[in-house]
């Protein structure tokens, strides 16, 4: 395997990883900020209060986005498996 192939595969891996996990992280961020804002407005300072809404939002994003995420991961896997013969040269 030459250096260009390794760099291309690593770049693809990072790109796919960031692409797949971005919606989940954004959902947790938005819900976390909303709950923190609600806690600041109502003066409820319970640290465990933000856990359940984040968990529900992340679960919903994963359920709704699962087909797209799976398709992205399958495309990367096919790309990776097609590169295996080039690695042995």
Protein backbone atom coordinates (compact mmCIF):
# COMPACT_ATOMS: atom_id res chain seq x y z
CA UNK A 1 0.00 0.00 0.00
CA UNK A 2 1.41 3.34 -0.96
CA UNK A 3 1.13 6.53 1.03
CA UNK A 4 -1.48 8.14 -1.25
CA UNK A 5 -3.87 5.21 -0.83
CA UNK A 6 -3.50 5.26 2.96
CA UNK A 7 -4.11 9.01 3.11
CA UNK A 8 -7.15 8.73 0.83
CA UNK A 9 -8.63 5.97 2.99
CA UNK A 10 -7.96 7.88 6.21
CA UNK A 11 -9.50 11.05 4.75
CA UNK A 12 -12.58 9.08 3.67
CA UNK A 13 -12.86 7.49 7.10
CA UNK A 14 -12.74 10.84 8.89
CA UNK A 15 -15.19 12.43 6.45
CA UNK A 16 -17.73 9.62 6.77
CA UNK A 17 -17.37 9.53 10.56
CA UNK A 18 -17.96 13.27 10.89
CA UNK A 19 -20.84 13.18 8.42
CA UNK A 20 -22.62 10.34 10.21
CA UNK A 21 -22.20 11.65 13.75
CA UNK A 22 -22.91 15.34 13.07
CA UNK A 23 -26.75 15.10 13.22
CA UNK A 24 -26.59 13.24 16.54
CA UNK A 25 -24.20 15.76 18.08
CA UNK A 26 -26.21 18.71 16.77
CA UNK A 27 -29.42 17.27 18.24
CA UNK A 28 -27.75 16.83 21.64
CA UNK A 29 -26.32 20.35 21.44
CA UNK A 30 -29.61 22.01 20.53
CA UNK A 31 -31.57 20.13 23.19
CA UNK A 32 -28.87 20.77 25.78
CA UNK A 33 -28.89 24.51 25.11
CA UNK A 34 -32.69 24.63 25.14
CA UNK A 35 -32.90 22.76 28.45
CA UNK A 36 -30.14 24.91 29.97
CA UNK A 37 -31.97 28.03 28.89
CA UNK A 38 -35.20 26.70 30.38
CA UNK A 39 -33.40 25.87 33.61
CA UNK A 40 -31.88 29.35 33.78
CA UNK A 41 -35.25 31.00 33.18
CA UNK A 42 -37.09 28.92 35.77
CA UNK A 43 -34.18 28.74 38.27
CA UNK A 44 -34.39 24.95 38.37
CA UNK A 45 -30.83 23.77 38.85
CA UNK A 46 -31.23 20.03 38.59
CA UNK A 47 -28.27 18.50 36.67
CA UNK A 48 -30.12 15.31 35.79
CA UNK A 49 -33.00 17.19 34.13
CA UNK A 50 -31.19 17.59 30.81
CA UNK A 51 -30.40 13.88 30.49
CA UNK A 52 -33.85 12.58 29.48
CA UNK A 53 -34.58 15.17 26.75
CA UNK A 54 -31.11 14.65 25.25
CA UNK A 55 -31.58 10.90 25.31
CA UNK A 56 -34.97 11.18 23.60
CA UNK A 57 -33.65 13.60 20.96
CA UNK A 58 -30.61 11.47 20.19
CA UNK A 59 -32.78 8.35 19.96
CA UNK A 60 -35.19 10.11 17.59
CA UNK A 61 -32.38 11.34 15.37
CA UNK A 62 -30.85 7.87 15.21
CA UNK A 63 -34.19 6.25 14.41
CA UNK A 64 -35.07 8.80 11.73
CA UNK A 65 -31.56 8.98 10.27
CA UNK A 66 -30.66 5.30 10.50
CA UNK A 67 -31.30 4.50 6.81
CA UNK A 68 -29.14 7.41 5.67
CA UNK A 69 -26.40 6.63 8.21
CA UNK A 70 -26.40 2.97 7.22
CA UNK A 71 -26.20 3.89 3.53
CA UNK A 72 -23.19 6.15 4.20
CA UNK A 73 -21.43 3.45 6.20
CA UNK A 74 -22.17 0.82 3.56
CA UNK A 75 -20.76 3.04 0.81
CA UNK A 76 -17.58 3.55 2.83
CA UNK A 77 -17.30 -0.19 3.50
CA UNK A 78 -17.66 -0.97 -0.20
CA UNK A 79 -15.04 1.69 -1.00
CA UNK A 80 -12.71 0.20 1.61
CA UNK A 81 -13.21 -3.39 0.42
CA UNK A 82 -12.54 -2.33 -3.18
CA UNK A 83 -9.22 -0.82 -2.05
CA UNK A 84 -7.98 -4.06 -0.46
CA UNK A 85 -6.40 -5.41 -3.68
CA UNK A 86 -4.44 -2.17 -4.01
CA UNK A 87 -3.09 -2.60 -0.49
CA UNK A 88 -1.35 -5.86 -1.31
CA UNK A 89 0.70 -4.38 -4.15
